[in-house]
């Protein structure tokens, strides 16, 4: 019996792991989809209305997205079932639904930005698709200006929660992850409630903070990583989030002081214990060297 169980386990290990499937809404030229594809997901469909974007997708499909179904249509005319049928999936089977609904009504670059802009209202179409498709996970990307419409933003989060998801949001800057460009973006992530998981955001990996604070004994980058909101923020924190320009991360301003103090204390303790550990290892090496007996020169000659 034990041998049979071992054989089954070995067979399971040899099986190829199933690739997660993703669908991109408001695809544009599929920048986000390309990132998902490069991360190992299989982007099986993209929905886009603009003919020039669709032409770009068609030109790159064979090399970048071999399994992608390109759906050129107005999303308001589509149903979740129609999209799922196109890729041979049923409601609840899709792994990731991603997209960046139009940002023109939210961006600070516009003097007429408004949540009632017809393009802003397309955000609700993404939420409708979440409800109809019921993916295991979703990701919405948009500009920082979206956060300034607090009531609208809260309503978005609440509607997504009502679809049956654990919802979090965060503000990330592309430059903090090695991209040579400052580009802050709001990310709204949701994990379906039955999965019992909370969305996780990657901590920053690239910093320019330490150059700005050369006189500081503790590198600001270490503090930033410790204070980074790995699980993002909830709907209840919409009024309290704040971009800390010194650490270049989003924080809850009510909790920021306590978090920074705790981070600094942890860094000091970690450094202290690391130095103690190094000292103990150094002393152990010294003791080992003293215990080694070297043969006398005359005895060495005799042994030859």
Protein backbone atom coordinates (compact mmCIF):
# COMPACT_ATOMS: atom_id res chain seq x y z
CA UNK A 1 0.00 0.00 0.00
CA UNK A 2 2.82 2.36 0.90
CA UNK A 3 4.54 1.63 -2.43
CA UNK A 4 1.33 2.30 -4.37
CA UNK A 5 0.84 5.63 -2.55
CA UNK A 6 4.44 6.61 -3.31
CA UNK A 7 3.97 5.76 -6.98
CA UNK A 8 0.82 7.90 -7.21
CA UNK A 9 2.62 10.82 -5.56
CA UNK A 10 5.48 10.53 -8.06
CA UNK A 11 3.02 10.51 -10.94
CA UNK A 12 1.35 13.65 -9.61
CA UNK A 13 4.71 15.39 -9.34
CA UNK A 14 5.49 14.59 -12.96
CA UNK A 15 2.22 16.05 -14.24
CA UNK A 16 2.49 19.53 -15.71
CA UNK A 17 0.98 22.19 -13.47
CA UNK A 18 -2.20 23.71 -14.93
CA UNK A 19 -1.65 27.19 -16.33
CA UNK A 20 -3.94 29.81 -14.84
CA UNK A 21 -6.27 31.38 -17.39
CA UNK A 22 -6.88 35.11 -17.63
CA UNK A 23 -9.20 37.41 -19.57
CA UNK A 24 -8.45 41.11 -20.11
CA UNK A 25 -11.21 43.72 -20.35
CA UNK A 26 -10.59 47.25 -21.74
CA UNK A 27 -7.47 45.61 -23.13
CA UNK A 28 -5.95 48.48 -25.11
CA UNK A 29 -2.66 47.13 -26.49
CA UNK A 30 -2.71 44.46 -23.75
CA UNK A 31 0.08 45.84 -21.58
CA UNK A 32 -1.31 44.28 -18.42
CA UNK A 33 -2.11 41.07 -20.28
CA UNK A 34 1.50 40.89 -21.47
CA UNK A 35 2.65 41.12 -17.85
CA UNK A 36 0.29 38.30 -16.86
CA UNK A 37 1.47 36.21 -19.81
CA UNK A 38 5.12 36.76 -18.86
CA UNK A 39 4.26 35.76 -15.28
CA UNK A 40 3.11 32.38 -16.58
CA UNK A 41 -0.63 32.88 -17.05
CA UNK A 42 -2.44 32.04 -20.26
CA UNK A 43 -4.39 35.08 -21.48
CA UNK A 44 -7.22 33.44 -23.42
CA UNK A 45 -9.30 36.49 -24.37
CA UNK A 46 -9.14 40.26 -24.69
CA UNK A 47 -12.08 42.64 -25.04
CA UNK A 48 -11.41 45.97 -26.78
CA UNK A 49 -13.52 48.39 -28.83
CA UNK A 50 -10.83 50.57 -30.45
CA UNK A 51 -9.91 49.38 -33.95
CA UNK A 52 -6.29 50.55 -33.72
CA UNK A 53 -5.73 48.69 -30.47
CA UNK A 54 -7.32 45.59 -31.99
CA UNK A 55 -4.98 45.91 -35.00
CA UNK A 56 -2.04 46.02 -32.58
CA UNK A 57 -3.30 42.89 -30.83
CA UNK A 58 -3.76 41.08 -34.13
CA UNK A 59 -0.19 41.97 -35.14
CA UNK A 60 1.27 40.65 -31.88
CA UNK A 61 -1.09 37.76 -31.18
CA UNK A 62 0.91 34.93 -32.76
CA UNK A 63 4.08 35.71 -30.84
CA UNK A 64 2.79 37.13 -27.54
CA UNK A 65 -0.69 35.67 -27.07
CA UNK A 66 -1.02 32.43 -29.05
CA UNK A 67 -4.24 31.33 -27.32
CA UNK A 68 -5.97 34.72 -27.20
CA UNK A 69 -9.46 35.29 -28.57
CA UNK A 70 -9.71 38.94 -29.59
CA UNK A 71 -13.22 40.27 -29.06
CA UNK A 72 -13.74 43.66 -30.71
CA UNK A 73 -16.94 44.99 -29.20
CA UNK A 74 -18.57 47.58 -26.96
CA UNK A 75 -18.45 45.95 -23.54
CA UNK A 76 -21.91 47.30 -22.70
CA UNK A 77 -23.34 44.99 -25.39
CA UNK A 78 -21.61 41.85 -24.10
CA UNK A 79 -22.51 39.38 -21.36
CA UNK A 80 -20.16 37.43 -19.15
CA UNK A 81 -21.56 34.20 -20.59
CA UNK A 82 -20.77 35.29 -24.14
CA UNK A 83 -17.12 35.92 -23.23
CA UNK A 84 -16.82 32.64 -21.30
CA UNK A 85 -18.37 30.68 -24.19
CA UNK A 86 -15.71 32.10 -26.49
CA UNK A 87 -12.98 30.43 -24.40
CA UNK A 88 -14.84 27.28 -23.39
CA UNK A 89 -15.28 28.14 -19.72
CA UNK A 90 -18.27 28.25 -17.38
CA UNK A 91 -19.14 30.76 -14.67
CA UNK A 92 -16.70 30.45 -11.77
CA UNK A 93 -13.97 28.64 -13.77
CA UNK A 94 -11.87 31.63 -14.86
CA UNK A 95 -8.77 32.25 -12.73
CA UNK A 96 -8.09 35.96 -13.33
CA UNK A 97 -10.14 38.82 -14.77
CA UNK A 98 -8.06 41.95 -15.32
CA UNK A 99 -8.43 45.33 -16.91
CA UNK A 100 -7.98 49.09 -16.80
CA UNK A 101 -11.30 50.87 -17.42
CA UNK A 102 -10.97 54.32 -19.07
CA UNK A 103 -9.16 56.81 -16.84
CA UNK A 104 -9.91 60.10 -18.66
CA UNK A 105 -12.65 61.00 -16.19
CA UNK A 106 -10.37 60.46 -13.17
CA UNK A 107 -6.93 61.70 -14.24
CA UNK A 108 -5.47 64.92 -12.81
CA UNK A 109 -4.40 65.71 -16.38
CA UNK A 110 -8.01 66.63 -17.19
CA UNK A 111 -9.66 69.85 -16.03
CA UNK A 112 -13.10 68.30 -16.51
CA UNK A 113 -12.57 65.05 -14.64
CA UNK A 114 -15.71 63.63 -13.05
CA UNK A 115 -17.12 60.27 -11.89
CA UNK A 116 -20.22 60.97 -13.98
CA UNK A 117 -18.18 61.26 -17.17
CA UNK A 118 -19.59 58.55 -19.53
CA UNK A 119 -16.11 56.96 -19.65
CA UNK A 120 -15.90 56.88 -15.83
CA UNK A 121 -19.19 54.99 -15.70
CA UNK A 122 -17.58 52.13 -17.63
CA UNK A 123 -16.02 51.11 -14.31
CA UNK A 124 -19.43 49.65 -13.46
CA UNK A 125 -19.21 47.45 -16.55
CA UNK A 126 -16.12 45.79 -15.10
CA UNK A 127 -18.03 45.17 -11.88
CA UNK A 128 -20.92 43.69 -13.88
CA UNK A 129 -18.50 41.29 -15.54
CA UNK A 130 -17.06 40.28 -12.18
CA UNK A 131 -20.59 39.39 -11.07
CA UNK A 132 -21.42 37.48 -14.27
CA UNK A 133 -18.08 35.68 -14.74
CA UNK A 134 -17.21 35.09 -11.05
CA UNK A 135 -13.44 34.74 -11.57
CA UNK A 136 -11.33 33.40 -8.73
CA UNK A 137 -9.39 36.67 -8.71
CA UNK A 138 -9.66 40.09 -10.35
CA UNK A 139 -7.35 43.07 -10.82
CA UNK A 140 -8.47 46.60 -11.74
CA UNK A 141 -5.85 49.22 -12.63
CA UNK A 142 -6.45 52.95 -12.83
CA UNK A 143 -4.89 56.35 -12.23
CA UNK A 144 -4.24 57.90 -8.84
CA UNK A 145 -6.98 60.50 -9.40
CA UNK A 146 -9.60 57.78 -8.86
CA UNK A 147 -8.85 57.97 -5.12
CA UNK A 148 -9.88 61.62 -4.98
CA UNK A 149 -13.53 60.73 -5.64
CA UNK A 150 -13.91 59.09 -2.26
CA UNK A 151 -17.66 58.41 -2.28
CA UNK A 152 -17.49 56.99 -5.78
CA UNK A 153 -14.45 54.88 -4.87
CA UNK A 154 -16.12 53.55 -1.73
CA UNK A 155 -19.19 52.58 -3.77
CA UNK A 156 -16.97 50.68 -6.21
CA UNK A 157 -15.34 48.69 -3.43
CA UNK A 158 -18.68 47.97 -1.77
CA UNK A 159 -20.19 46.75 -5.05
CA UNK A 160 -17.25 44.42 -5.62
CA UNK A 161 -17.60 43.05 -2.09
CA UNK A 162 -21.28 42.37 -2.77
CA UNK A 163 -20.22 40.23 -5.75
CA UNK A 164 -18.67 37.86 -3.19
CA UNK A 165 -15.06 39.02 -2.93
CA UNK A 166 -12.44 40.00 -0.36
CA UNK A 167 -11.43 43.39 -1.80
CA UNK A 168 -8.31 45.44 -1.18
CA UNK A 169 -6.65 48.44 -2.86
CA UNK A 170 -3.21 50.01 -2.92
CA UNK A 171 -1.26 52.71 -4.73
CA UNK A 172 1.98 51.54 -6.32
CA UNK A 173 4.66 53.38 -8.28
CA UNK A 174 6.23 51.56 -11.25
CA UNK A 175 9.65 53.05 -10.47
CA UNK A 176 9.64 51.18 -7.14
CA UNK A 177 9.75 47.90 -9.07
CA UNK A 178 12.59 48.64 -11.46
CA UNK A 179 10.70 50.45 -14.24
CA UNK A 180 12.61 53.59 -15.33
CA UNK A 181 9.53 55.78 -15.08
CA UNK A 182 7.45 57.27 -12.27
CA UNK A 183 3.91 56.01 -12.84
CA UNK A 184 1.61 55.75 -9.83
CA UNK A 185 -1.37 53.48 -10.27
CA UNK A 186 -4.27 52.38 -8.11
CA UNK A 187 -4.72 48.63 -8.02
CA UNK A 188 -7.98 47.13 -6.79
CA UNK A 189 -7.64 43.39 -6.18
CA UNK A 190 -10.29 40.90 -5.21
CA UNK A 191 -10.17 37.24 -4.20
CA UNK A 192 -13.36 35.21 -4.31
CA UNK A 193 -14.63 34.61 -0.78
CA UNK A 194 -14.71 30.81 -1.05
CA UNK A 195 -10.93 30.78 -1.57
CA UNK A 196 -10.33 32.15 1.95
CA UNK A 197 -7.40 34.32 0.90
CA UNK A 198 -6.59 38.03 1.12
CA UNK A 199 -4.97 39.84 -1.84
CA UNK A 200 -1.23 40.44 -1.50
CA UNK A 201 0.79 43.27 -3.03
CA UNK A 202 4.55 42.94 -3.70
CA UNK A 203 6.78 45.15 -1.57
CA UNK A 204 8.95 47.74 -3.39
CA UNK A 205 12.31 46.47 -4.63
CA UNK A 206 13.99 49.64 -5.96
CA UNK A 207 14.63 52.83 -4.00
CA UNK A 208 16.11 56.28 -4.33
CA UNK A 209 15.21 57.06 -0.72
CA UNK A 210 18.60 56.44 0.88
CA UNK A 211 20.29 59.06 -1.33
CA UNK A 212 17.75 61.63 -0.18
CA UNK A 213 18.39 60.83 3.48
CA UNK A 214 22.15 60.27 3.57
CA UNK A 215 22.48 61.61 7.12
CA UNK A 216 19.98 59.09 8.48
CA UNK A 217 21.54 56.18 10.40
CA UNK A 218 18.71 53.86 9.35
CA UNK A 219 18.14 53.43 5.58
CA UNK A 220 14.69 54.71 4.65
CA UNK A 221 14.32 51.79 2.23
CA UNK A 222 14.36 49.31 5.14
CA UNK A 223 11.66 51.30 6.91
CA UNK A 224 9.58 51.50 3.72
CA UNK A 225 9.62 47.73 3.18
CA UNK A 226 8.56 47.09 6.78
CA UNK A 227 5.76 49.68 6.63
CA UNK A 228 4.49 48.62 3.22
CA UNK A 229 0.85 47.48 3.31
CA UNK A 230 1.28 43.96 1.95
CA UNK A 231 -2.45 43.27 2.14
CA UNK A 232 -3.43 46.73 0.91
CA UNK A 233 -6.27 48.74 2.41
CA UNK A 234 -9.96 48.13 3.03
CA UNK A 235 -13.03 50.18 2.14
CA UNK A 236 -13.09 51.53 5.72
CA UNK A 237 -9.67 53.14 5.17
CA UNK A 238 -10.52 55.17 2.06
CA UNK A 239 -10.57 58.47 4.01
CA UNK A 240 -7.32 57.70 5.83
CA UNK A 241 -4.92 56.58 3.10
CA UNK A 242 -2.04 58.90 2.30
CA UNK A 243 1.03 58.78 0.07
CA UNK A 244 4.11 59.09 2.27
CA UNK A 245 6.50 61.07 0.08
CA UNK A 246 9.50 60.27 2.31
CA UNK A 247 9.01 56.50 2.15
CA UNK A 248 7.28 56.52 -1.25
CA UNK A 249 4.53 54.11 -0.20
CA UNK A 250 0.86 54.47 0.66
CA UNK A 251 0.05 54.36 4.38
CA UNK A 252 -2.88 54.83 6.72
CA UNK A 253 -2.15 58.26 8.21
CA UNK A 254 -3.79 57.31 11.52
CA UNK A 255 -1.44 54.36 11.94
CA UNK A 256 1.67 55.70 10.18
CA UNK A 257 3.55 57.10 13.21
CA UNK A 258 3.17 53.88 15.21
CA UNK A 259 4.14 51.72 12.19
CA UNK A 260 7.27 53.76 11.49
CA UNK A 261 8.32 53.64 15.15
CA UNK A 262 7.81 49.87 15.25
CA UNK A 263 9.75 49.43 12.00
CA UNK A 264 12.70 51.46 13.30
CA UNK A 265 12.77 49.46 16.56
CA UNK A 266 12.68 46.18 14.64
CA UNK A 267 15.54 47.28 12.37
CA UNK A 268 17.66 48.30 15.38
CA UNK A 269 17.04 44.96 17.11
CA UNK A 270 17.71 42.97 13.95
CA UNK A 271 20.98 44.84 13.40
CA UNK A 272 21.96 44.29 17.04
CA UNK A 273 21.28 40.54 16.92
CA UNK A 274 23.06 40.28 13.57
CA UNK A 275 26.19 41.92 15.03
CA UNK A 276 26.04 39.69 18.12
CA UNK A 277 25.75 36.64 15.88
CA UNK A 278 28.74 37.78 13.81
CA UNK A 279 30.76 38.38 16.98
CA UNK A 280 29.97 34.91 18.33
CA UNK A 281 30.96 33.28 15.06
CA UNK A 282 34.22 35.27 15.02
CA UNK A 283 35.05 34.16 18.58
CA UNK A 284 34.23 30.55 17.72
CA UNK A 285 36.68 30.67 14.80
CA UNK A 286 39.40 32.07 17.07
CA UNK A 287 38.90 29.26 19.59
CA UNK A 288 39.07 26.66 16.82
CA UNK A 289 42.35 28.09 15.56
CA UNK A 290 43.88 27.92 19.06
CA UNK A 291 42.97 24.25 19.46
CA UNK A 292 44.76 23.17 16.24
CA UNK A 293 48.22 21.71 17.05
CA UNK A 294 50.82 22.24 14.37
CA UNK A 295 53.66 19.67 14.15
CA UNK A 296 57.18 20.98 14.84
CA UNK A 297 59.46 21.62 11.87
CA UNK A 298 62.00 18.94 12.90
CA UNK A 299 59.25 16.31 13.16
CA UNK A 300 57.99 17.27 9.72
CA UNK A 301 61.48 16.61 8.29
CA UNK A 302 61.65 13.19 9.96
CA UNK A 303 58.26 12.23 8.56
CA UNK A 304 59.47 12.97 5.05
